[in-house]
Structure formats: C-alpha cells, structure tokens
Amino acid sequence: MGFKILNEIPEKMYRGMLISYRVSPFPCIPMLWVSEITHMVEKLYFIDEQRIGPYRLWHHEHHLKSAESGVLITDIVHYSPPLGVLGSIANALFIRKKLNGIFEYRKNAMEQLFPHKK
C-alpha cells in the first residue's frame, strides 16, 4: 500500500495522537489516511482508529506481551470496506488478501530487525 508517514512522530505515543499517512491502495492513486490513537496502556496495548482514509471503519488493536524470546505482538483488526456491496466484493477479491500481506510483511520485517533469542 506504499505507506508513507507524513507527520513527525514523537518519541512517546499518547492517547489522542494523530498520525497522517499517504497510502496507495491502487497503483498511482494516492490517498490521505489519518488515524488516531484512541486507547493506550504503555507496554500492553494501543488502539488506532481511522479518522480519514480508505475504509468505512478501521479499528486496530495492537497487543504487546512479554515473551521468553522478546515481545509477542497480536493484532486485532475490525474494518469495513467502503462502497457497500461493491466494497464487499472488492474485500472478497483483494482487500482482505492485501491486508493479510501487509501484516505478513510487518511480521517478516520485525523478525529481521529483532531476531528470536535462543
């Protein structure tokens, strides 16, 4: 999706923080996506919700848990595509697959940055 963060991100996340991205859900179609950190307990979880963007609804929980090999990250995402029935068809054809690919990419990137301790 070509995520590019547009605003400066502070060292510490906080409730009410807004993050602006430029995303390209389709080639050559850039869009603005703004999410707000709506809930947060440091080192346990945070939730971001879309305020402006490609989805009708986006609610993303990031849960963090200390593990023997480091930190376990669990994502829970609730979303609704735009455009009613057309969005539902697009979700079945490619949106869900694209989202799964984004989370798989992040998982692989995190494993490369922070290899498992043995």
Protein backbone atom coordinates (compact mmCIF):
# COMPACT_ATOMS: atom_id res chain seq x y z
CA MET A 1 0.00 0.00 0.00
CA GLY A 2 3.02 2.27 -0.03
CA PHE A 3 2.60 3.69 3.49
CA LYS A 4 4.44 6.96 3.97
CA ILE A 5 4.13 8.76 7.31
CA LEU A 6 3.58 12.48 6.67
CA ASN A 7 3.90 13.99 10.15
CA GLU A 8 6.66 13.87 12.71
CA ILE A 9 6.16 11.08 15.23
CA PRO A 10 7.05 11.90 18.86
CA GLU A 11 9.26 9.57 20.87
CA LYS A 12 6.34 8.58 23.08
CA MET A 13 2.89 7.62 21.86
CA TYR A 14 -0.10 9.17 23.61
CA ARG A 15 -3.88 8.99 23.57
CA GLY A 16 -5.30 11.45 21.04
CA MET A 17 -2.16 11.35 18.87
CA LEU A 18 -2.90 11.73 15.17
CA ILE A 19 -0.78 10.04 12.52
CA SER A 20 -1.12 11.05 8.87
CA TYR A 21 -0.07 8.72 6.06
CA ARG A 22 -0.05 8.78 2.32
CA VAL A 23 -1.20 5.37 1.05
CA SER A 24 -1.76 3.96 -2.41
CA PRO A 25 -4.37 1.22 -2.22
CA PHE A 26 -4.23 1.07 -6.02
CA PRO A 27 -1.22 1.91 -8.20
CA CYS A 28 -0.99 5.65 -8.95
CA ILE A 29 -3.94 6.51 -6.65
CA PRO A 30 -2.52 8.19 -3.53
CA MET A 31 -4.86 8.87 -0.60
CA LEU A 32 -4.61 10.51 2.78
CA TRP A 33 -5.11 8.23 5.79
CA VAL A 34 -5.32 9.77 9.26
CA SER A 35 -5.53 7.55 12.32
CA GLU A 36 -5.94 8.50 15.96
CA ILE A 37 -4.56 6.63 18.95
CA THR A 38 -7.77 6.27 20.95
CA HIS A 39 -6.68 3.98 23.78
CA MET A 40 -3.31 3.12 25.20
CA VAL A 41 -1.71 1.37 28.13
CA GLU A 42 2.05 1.67 27.79
CA LYS A 43 3.80 -1.64 27.07
CA LEU A 44 0.45 -3.52 26.97
CA TYR A 45 -1.68 -2.28 24.09
CA PHE A 46 -2.81 0.60 21.93
CA ILE A 47 -5.68 1.13 19.53
CA ASP A 48 -5.70 3.20 16.38
CA GLU A 49 -8.88 4.21 14.60
CA GLN A 50 -9.17 5.72 11.16
CA ARG A 51 -10.40 9.31 11.04
CA ILE A 52 -9.83 9.89 7.31
CA GLY A 53 -9.00 7.15 4.85
CA PRO A 54 -9.94 4.34 2.53
CA TYR A 55 -12.17 2.32 4.88
CA ARG A 56 -15.68 2.96 6.12
CA LEU A 57 -14.46 1.65 9.51
CA TRP A 58 -10.95 0.85 10.77
CA HIS A 59 -10.30 -0.20 14.39
CA HIS A 60 -6.90 -1.79 15.03
CA GLU A 61 -5.81 -3.18 18.40
CA HIS A 62 -2.09 -3.82 18.95
CA HIS A 63 -1.50 -6.07 21.97
CA LEU A 64 2.03 -6.48 23.35
CA LYS A 65 3.05 -9.32 25.63
CA SER A 66 6.43 -10.08 27.11
CA ALA A 67 7.64 -13.47 25.94
CA GLU A 68 10.72 -15.60 26.54
CA SER A 69 12.12 -14.68 23.14
CA GLY A 70 11.17 -10.97 23.28
CA VAL A 71 7.79 -9.36 22.71
CA LEU A 72 4.73 -11.03 21.19
CA ILE A 73 2.59 -8.66 19.11
CA THR A 74 -1.03 -9.61 18.46
CA ASP A 75 -3.21 -7.56 16.12
CA ILE A 76 -6.99 -7.49 16.16
CA VAL A 77 -8.46 -5.57 13.24
CA HIS A 78 -12.09 -4.69 12.65
CA TYR A 79 -12.74 -2.98 9.35
CA SER A 80 -15.45 -2.35 6.81
CA PRO A 81 -14.61 -1.56 3.22
CA PRO A 82 -16.20 1.45 1.54
CA LEU A 83 -18.78 1.39 -1.27
CA GLY A 84 -21.37 -1.01 0.17
CA VAL A 85 -21.86 -4.12 -1.99
CA LEU A 86 -19.01 -3.15 -4.34
CA GLY A 87 -16.71 -2.84 -1.33
CA SER A 88 -17.81 -6.26 -0.07
CA ILE A 89 -16.96 -7.79 -3.44
CA ALA A 90 -13.61 -5.95 -3.51
CA ASN A 91 -12.93 -7.22 0.03
CA ALA A 92 -13.54 -10.82 -1.05
CA LEU A 93 -11.44 -10.42 -4.20
CA PHE A 94 -8.41 -8.48 -2.97
CA ILE A 95 -8.72 -6.18 0.08
CA ARG A 96 -8.55 -8.99 2.67
CA LYS A 97 -5.59 -10.57 0.82
CA LYS A 98 -3.79 -7.22 0.67
CA LEU A 99 -4.30 -6.67 4.42
CA ASN A 100 -3.00 -10.16 5.20
CA GLY A 101 0.02 -9.40 3.02
CA ILE A 102 0.70 -6.15 4.90
CA PHE A 103 0.67 -7.93 8.27
CA GLU A 104 2.84 -10.75 6.91
CA TYR A 105 5.32 -8.15 5.59
CA ARG A 106 5.42 -6.47 9.01
CA LYS A 107 5.94 -9.81 10.76
CA ASN A 108 8.86 -10.66 8.47
CA ALA A 109 10.38 -7.17 8.85
CA MET A 110 10.12 -7.38 12.66
CA GLU A 111 11.75 -10.83 12.67
CA GLN A 112 14.65 -9.47 10.60
CA LEU A 113 15.05 -6.41 12.83
CA PHE A 114 14.66 -8.37 16.07
CA PRO A 115 15.73 -11.99 15.53
CA HIS A 116 14.44 -14.60 18.00
CA LYS A 117 16.67 -15.13 21.00
CA LYS A 118 17.61 -18.74 21.59
